[in-house]
């Protein structure tokens, strides 16, 4: 509740279609008397835009006649709450706190108020409009273009993922795993939703109780599937072709809505609608094979 007649300075930040802007709208006696639009770098965050707007409001308080005592109103709770931390490492917050101290040392005063966004307050609506205009139409060079820590982290992570994907795609190993997960980003998203167990691990890596794998280590007399004693018993054969699982495979395909082929293995496990049916079929088939091969699977 504002209990004074000081000027009201509304601040806002906006990010639209990857472009960032901030704005200040100053009001006295129920009308706008001053406004400022601020362009920020496209990599800046909305949080930074909100703080830049507050910093500009403080600059107005320090320099504009009649504004030495003012109210700053923002709809960003996170920005206002950040000002309560005097030991912050955020450079914008630190600069804001320094300006507040300077204003008070010069017999000025500033009070901060949180207001609800988009609830019909003219000053807030005006600041929102100006911030969006600053983001969308300003052709001038950004007034502020320091990137946030979150941007640096994302940039490092994205570059790491690109290098990881390159190594993953060209590796001499893991060819079966790549049939399920050609993209490591999708693999991460999917595996966050899957409860991992020994069966799924063996299915995705083929490091398990399949004859083609066991034979390499002299743990099986033959690498061939018992369905014809001619076809290598691989996970691809079990899931896609082995006649022993024809009925279960058909039931799985009907539930998923598409046929199981080598090129659809990725879709089967990554699609939210088909994953449950595919893993159920894969687990049941694998369990039978592992028991048949006397392989440990518990």
Protein backbone atom coordinates (compact mmCIF):
# COMPACT_ATOMS: atom_id res chain seq x y z
CA UNK A 1 0.00 0.00 0.00
CA UNK A 2 1.56 3.29 -1.12
CA UNK A 3 1.10 5.96 1.54
CA UNK A 4 2.90 8.90 -0.08
CA UNK A 5 2.53 11.25 -3.03
CA UNK A 6 5.96 10.57 -4.48
CA UNK A 7 6.40 9.99 -8.23
CA UNK A 8 5.71 6.40 -9.30
CA UNK A 9 8.28 4.75 -11.56
CA UNK A 10 7.09 1.56 -13.22
CA UNK A 11 9.71 -0.86 -14.53
CA UNK A 12 9.46 -3.94 -16.72
CA UNK A 13 11.52 -6.35 -18.80
CA UNK A 14 10.43 -8.41 -21.78
CA UNK A 15 11.75 -11.13 -24.08
CA UNK A 16 9.89 -11.76 -27.34
CA UNK A 17 11.04 -14.05 -30.15
CA UNK A 18 14.55 -14.09 -28.72
CA UNK A 19 14.79 -10.29 -28.45
CA UNK A 20 15.09 -8.53 -25.11
CA UNK A 21 14.00 -5.11 -23.93
CA UNK A 22 13.40 -3.15 -20.74
CA UNK A 23 11.50 0.02 -19.98
CA UNK A 24 10.72 2.67 -17.39
CA UNK A 25 7.53 4.71 -17.21
CA UNK A 26 7.44 7.66 -14.77
CA UNK A 27 4.10 8.92 -13.50
CA UNK A 28 3.13 12.06 -11.58
CA UNK A 29 -0.39 13.09 -10.65
CA UNK A 30 -1.91 10.24 -12.64
CA UNK A 31 -0.13 10.85 -15.94
CA UNK A 32 3.09 9.72 -17.60
CA UNK A 33 5.76 12.42 -17.52
CA UNK A 34 8.83 10.51 -18.65
CA UNK A 35 9.63 7.21 -20.36
CA UNK A 36 12.71 5.24 -21.34
CA UNK A 37 13.10 2.22 -23.63
CA UNK A 38 16.22 0.08 -23.26
CA UNK A 39 17.55 -2.49 -25.73
CA UNK A 40 19.43 -5.50 -24.34
CA UNK A 41 21.48 -8.16 -26.08
CA UNK A 42 19.47 -11.09 -27.40
CA UNK A 43 21.30 -13.49 -25.08
CA UNK A 44 20.20 -11.56 -21.99
CA UNK A 45 17.53 -12.97 -19.69
CA UNK A 46 14.23 -11.43 -18.63
CA UNK A 47 15.64 -11.29 -15.09
CA UNK A 48 18.50 -9.12 -16.34
CA UNK A 49 16.02 -6.92 -18.21
CA UNK A 50 14.00 -6.40 -15.03
CA UNK A 51 17.14 -5.40 -13.13
CA UNK A 52 18.34 -3.08 -15.91
CA UNK A 53 14.95 -1.33 -15.79
CA UNK A 54 15.25 -0.86 -12.01
CA UNK A 55 18.79 0.44 -12.45
CA UNK A 56 17.53 2.98 -14.99
CA UNK A 57 14.76 4.04 -12.60
CA UNK A 58 17.39 4.73 -9.94
CA UNK A 59 19.39 6.75 -12.45
CA UNK A 60 16.30 8.92 -13.03
CA UNK A 61 15.86 9.38 -9.28
CA UNK A 62 19.47 10.53 -8.97
CA UNK A 63 19.35 12.98 -11.87
CA UNK A 64 15.80 14.21 -12.48
CA UNK A 65 14.46 17.19 -10.56
CA UNK A 66 11.52 16.31 -8.35
CA UNK A 67 12.30 12.59 -8.26
CA UNK A 68 14.72 12.45 -5.32
CA UNK A 69 12.03 10.63 -3.38
CA UNK A 70 10.23 8.10 -5.55
CA UNK A 71 8.41 4.78 -5.58
CA UNK A 72 9.62 2.02 -7.89
CA UNK A 73 6.95 -0.49 -8.87
CA UNK A 74 7.80 -3.81 -10.54
CA UNK A 75 5.86 -6.97 -11.33
CA UNK A 76 9.04 -9.07 -11.02
CA UNK A 77 9.06 -10.64 -7.59
CA UNK A 78 12.39 -12.36 -8.27
CA UNK A 79 14.09 -9.08 -9.17
CA UNK A 80 12.81 -7.33 -6.04
CA UNK A 81 13.72 -10.26 -3.80
CA UNK A 82 17.26 -10.27 -5.18
CA UNK A 83 17.75 -6.76 -3.74
CA UNK A 84 17.47 -8.12 -0.20
CA UNK A 85 20.80 -9.94 -0.53
CA UNK A 86 23.62 -7.49 0.28
CA UNK A 87 26.31 -10.12 -0.39
CA UNK A 88 25.07 -10.90 -3.90
CA UNK A 89 27.54 -11.66 -6.67
CA UNK A 90 25.16 -10.42 -9.36
CA UNK A 91 26.78 -7.27 -10.80
CA UNK A 92 23.45 -5.63 -11.64
CA UNK A 93 22.08 -6.17 -8.14
CA UNK A 94 25.33 -4.88 -6.64
CA UNK A 95 25.10 -1.73 -8.77
CA UNK A 96 21.46 -1.23 -7.78
CA UNK A 97 22.32 -1.50 -4.09
CA UNK A 98 25.13 1.03 -4.53
CA UNK A 99 22.74 3.47 -6.22
CA UNK A 100 20.18 3.06 -3.44
CA UNK A 101 22.83 3.86 -0.86
CA UNK A 102 23.98 6.90 -2.86
CA UNK A 103 20.40 8.21 -3.08
CA UNK A 104 19.88 7.86 0.65
CA UNK A 105 23.23 9.49 1.42
CA UNK A 106 22.05 12.49 -0.61
CA UNK A 107 18.86 12.83 1.46
CA UNK A 108 16.79 11.04 -1.14
CA UNK A 109 14.58 8.02 -0.65
CA UNK A 110 13.32 5.13 -2.74
CA UNK A 111 10.67 2.56 -1.90
CA UNK A 112 10.04 -0.63 -3.82
CA UNK A 113 6.64 -2.22 -4.42
CA UNK A 114 5.63 -5.44 -6.09
CA UNK A 115 2.51 -5.22 -8.26
CA UNK A 116 0.62 -7.95 -10.03
CA UNK A 117 1.20 -8.06 -13.78
CA UNK A 118 -1.56 -7.48 -16.32
CA UNK A 119 -4.20 -6.41 -13.84
CA UNK A 120 -5.05 -3.06 -15.42
CA UNK A 121 -2.64 -0.70 -13.63
CA UNK A 122 -1.95 1.99 -16.28
CA UNK A 123 1.69 2.53 -15.34
CA UNK A 124 2.47 -1.18 -15.32
CA UNK A 125 0.68 -1.75 -18.62
CA UNK A 126 2.60 1.16 -20.13
CA UNK A 127 5.96 -0.17 -18.93
CA UNK A 128 5.07 -3.58 -20.36
CA UNK A 129 4.18 -1.99 -23.70
CA UNK A 130 7.42 0.00 -23.81
CA UNK A 131 9.56 -3.02 -22.88
CA UNK A 132 8.03 -5.04 -25.71
CA UNK A 133 8.60 -2.18 -28.13
CA UNK A 134 12.21 -1.93 -26.99
CA UNK A 135 12.69 -5.63 -27.64
CA UNK A 136 10.94 -5.72 -31.01
CA UNK A 137 11.51 -2.42 -32.77
CA UNK A 138 14.69 -0.88 -31.42
CA UNK A 139 17.42 -0.94 -34.07
CA UNK A 140 20.04 0.69 -31.89
CA UNK A 141 22.95 -1.18 -30.38
CA UNK A 142 22.14 -2.85 -27.06
CA UNK A 143 22.59 -0.65 -24.02
CA UNK A 144 23.35 -3.74 -21.98
CA UNK A 145 24.73 -6.96 -23.45
CA UNK A 146 26.45 -8.89 -20.66
CA UNK A 147 25.34 -12.50 -20.82
CA UNK A 148 23.96 -14.22 -17.71
CA UNK A 149 25.67 -17.19 -16.08
CA UNK A 150 22.82 -19.40 -17.30
CA UNK A 151 23.69 -18.45 -20.90
CA UNK A 152 27.35 -19.36 -20.38
CA UNK A 153 26.39 -22.71 -18.84
CA UNK A 154 24.00 -23.44 -21.70
CA UNK A 155 26.64 -22.50 -24.29
CA UNK A 156 29.22 -24.80 -22.68
CA UNK A 157 26.66 -27.60 -22.39
CA UNK A 158 25.52 -27.24 -26.00
CA UNK A 159 29.10 -27.27 -27.30
CA UNK A 160 29.87 -30.32 -25.18
CA UNK A 161 26.80 -32.10 -26.54
CA UNK A 162 27.84 -31.30 -30.13
CA UNK A 163 31.31 -32.81 -29.57
CA UNK A 164 29.79 -35.78 -27.73
CA UNK A 165 27.34 -36.37 -30.59
CA UNK A 166 30.18 -36.28 -33.13
CA UNK A 167 32.18 -38.90 -31.21
CA UNK A 168 29.07 -40.98 -30.60
CA UNK A 169 27.99 -40.95 -34.25
CA UNK A 170 31.41 -41.94 -35.61
CA UNK A 171 32.41 -44.46 -32.94
CA UNK A 172 33.34 -47.99 -34.01
CA UNK A 173 31.34 -49.33 -31.06
CA UNK A 174 27.75 -48.90 -29.93
CA UNK A 175 26.14 -49.45 -33.34
CA UNK A 176 23.13 -51.23 -31.81
CA UNK A 177 22.64 -48.51 -29.20
CA UNK A 178 22.63 -45.91 -31.99
CA UNK A 179 19.71 -47.72 -33.65
CA UNK A 180 17.66 -46.94 -30.56
CA UNK A 181 19.21 -43.55 -29.84
CA UNK A 182 20.79 -41.82 -32.85
CA UNK A 183 20.59 -38.51 -30.96
CA UNK A 184 22.05 -38.24 -27.47
CA UNK A 185 19.70 -35.38 -26.54
CA UNK A 186 16.70 -37.60 -27.25
CA UNK A 187 18.41 -40.47 -25.44
CA UNK A 188 18.73 -38.36 -22.31
CA UNK A 189 15.09 -37.25 -22.43
CA UNK A 190 13.90 -40.82 -22.90
CA UNK A 191 16.10 -42.44 -20.28
CA UNK A 192 14.93 -39.90 -17.71
CA UNK A 193 11.49 -41.46 -18.14
CA UNK A 194 12.60 -45.10 -18.11
CA UNK A 195 13.13 -47.14 -14.98
CA UNK A 196 16.40 -48.86 -15.78
CA UNK A 197 16.87 -52.56 -15.10
CA UNK A 198 19.12 -55.39 -16.22
CA UNK A 199 16.89 -56.37 -19.13
CA UNK A 200 16.75 -52.87 -20.61
CA UNK A 201 20.51 -52.49 -20.19
CA UNK A 202 21.15 -55.68 -22.15
CA UNK A 203 18.61 -54.76 -24.83
CA UNK A 204 20.14 -51.34 -25.48
CA UNK A 205 23.81 -52.35 -25.28
CA UNK A 206 23.65 -56.04 -26.43
CA UNK A 207 26.13 -56.75 -23.65
CA UNK A 208 24.28 -59.68 -22.17
CA UNK A 209 22.96 -63.18 -22.56
CA UNK A 210 22.47 -63.28 -26.32
CA UNK A 211 24.26 -66.10 -28.12
CA UNK A 212 26.04 -63.82 -30.57
CA UNK A 213 27.57 -62.01 -27.59
CA UNK A 214 28.19 -65.06 -25.40
CA UNK A 215 29.91 -66.89 -28.27
CA UNK A 216 32.55 -64.16 -28.49
CA UNK A 217 33.64 -65.04 -24.97
CA UNK A 218 33.31 -68.81 -25.41
CA UNK A 219 30.26 -68.86 -23.14
CA UNK A 220 28.07 -70.44 -25.80
CA UNK A 221 28.76 -73.25 -28.23
CA UNK A 222 26.97 -71.42 -31.03
CA UNK A 223 26.18 -67.80 -31.93
CA UNK A 224 22.98 -68.83 -33.73
CA UNK A 225 19.37 -68.59 -32.60
CA UNK A 226 17.56 -71.86 -31.90
CA UNK A 227 14.73 -70.80 -34.22
CA UNK A 228 16.74 -72.03 -37.23
CA UNK A 229 20.34 -72.53 -36.01
CA UNK A 230 21.47 -70.33 -38.90
CA UNK A 231 20.67 -66.76 -37.90
CA UNK A 232 22.86 -64.87 -35.44
CA UNK A 233 20.99 -64.38 -32.18
CA UNK A 234 21.21 -60.61 -31.87
CA UNK A 235 18.79 -58.24 -30.17
CA UNK A 236 17.72 -57.04 -33.62
CA UNK A 237 16.84 -60.60 -34.64
CA UNK A 238 14.92 -61.22 -31.42
CA UNK A 239 12.91 -58.01 -31.64
CA UNK A 240 12.35 -57.84 -35.40
CA UNK A 241 12.46 -61.30 -36.97
CA UNK A 242 12.59 -64.27 -34.62
CA UNK A 243 9.49 -66.42 -35.34
CA UNK A 244 9.34 -67.54 -31.72
CA UNK A 245 8.01 -64.09 -30.84
CA UNK A 246 5.84 -63.49 -33.91
CA UNK A 247 2.55 -63.34 -32.00
CA UNK A 248 3.93 -61.12 -29.22
CA UNK A 249 5.56 -58.88 -31.84
CA UNK A 250 2.31 -58.52 -33.78
CA UNK A 251 0.45 -57.64 -30.58
CA UNK A 252 3.10 -55.02 -29.78
CA UNK A 253 2.89 -53.54 -33.28
CA UNK A 254 -0.89 -53.30 -33.08
CA UNK A 255 -0.63 -51.49 -29.73
CA UNK A 256 2.01 -49.09 -31.06
CA UNK A 257 0.30 -48.48 -34.39
CA UNK A 258 3.33 -49.21 -36.58
CA UNK A 259 5.53 -52.14 -37.63
CA UNK A 260 8.75 -52.97 -35.84
CA UNK A 261 11.64 -52.52 -38.24
CA UNK A 262 15.25 -51.55 -37.77
CA UNK A 263 14.41 -47.99 -38.82
CA UNK A 264 11.51 -47.75 -36.33
CA UNK A 265 13.38 -48.94 -33.23
CA UNK A 266 14.20 -45.31 -32.46
CA UNK A 267 10.54 -44.31 -32.70
CA UNK A 268 9.43 -47.31 -30.64
CA UNK A 269 11.49 -46.37 -27.60
CA UNK A 270 11.54 -42.57 -27.86
CA UNK A 271 7.85 -42.02 -28.57
CA UNK A 272 5.87 -41.57 -25.37
CA UNK A 273 2.87 -43.43 -26.78
CA UNK A 274 4.76 -46.52 -27.96
CA UNK A 275 7.50 -46.86 -25.33
CA UNK A 276 5.50 -48.84 -22.78
CA UNK A 277 4.31 -51.42 -25.35
CA UNK A 278 7.76 -51.77 -26.92
CA UNK A 279 9.65 -52.22 -23.66
CA UNK A 280 7.05 -54.70 -22.42
CA UNK A 281 7.54 -56.83 -25.55
CA UNK A 282 11.33 -56.41 -25.48
CA UNK A 283 11.58 -57.36 -21.81
CA UNK A 284 9.37 -60.44 -22.14
CA UNK A 285 11.22 -61.66 -25.23
CA UNK A 286 14.62 -61.02 -23.70
CA UNK A 287 13.66 -62.78 -20.49
CA UNK A 288 12.75 -65.93 -22.43
CA UNK A 289 16.01 -65.83 -24.41
CA UNK A 290 18.14 -65.32 -21.31
CA UNK A 291 16.50 -68.26 -19.57
CA UNK A 292 16.93 -70.37 -22.69
CA UNK A 293 20.62 -69.49 -22.79
CA UNK A 294 21.02 -70.07 -19.05
CA UNK A 295 22.29 -66.51 -18.72
CA UNK A 296 22.14 -64.60 -15.43
CA UNK A 297 19.56 -61.87 -15.66
CA UNK A 298 18.59 -61.02 -12.10
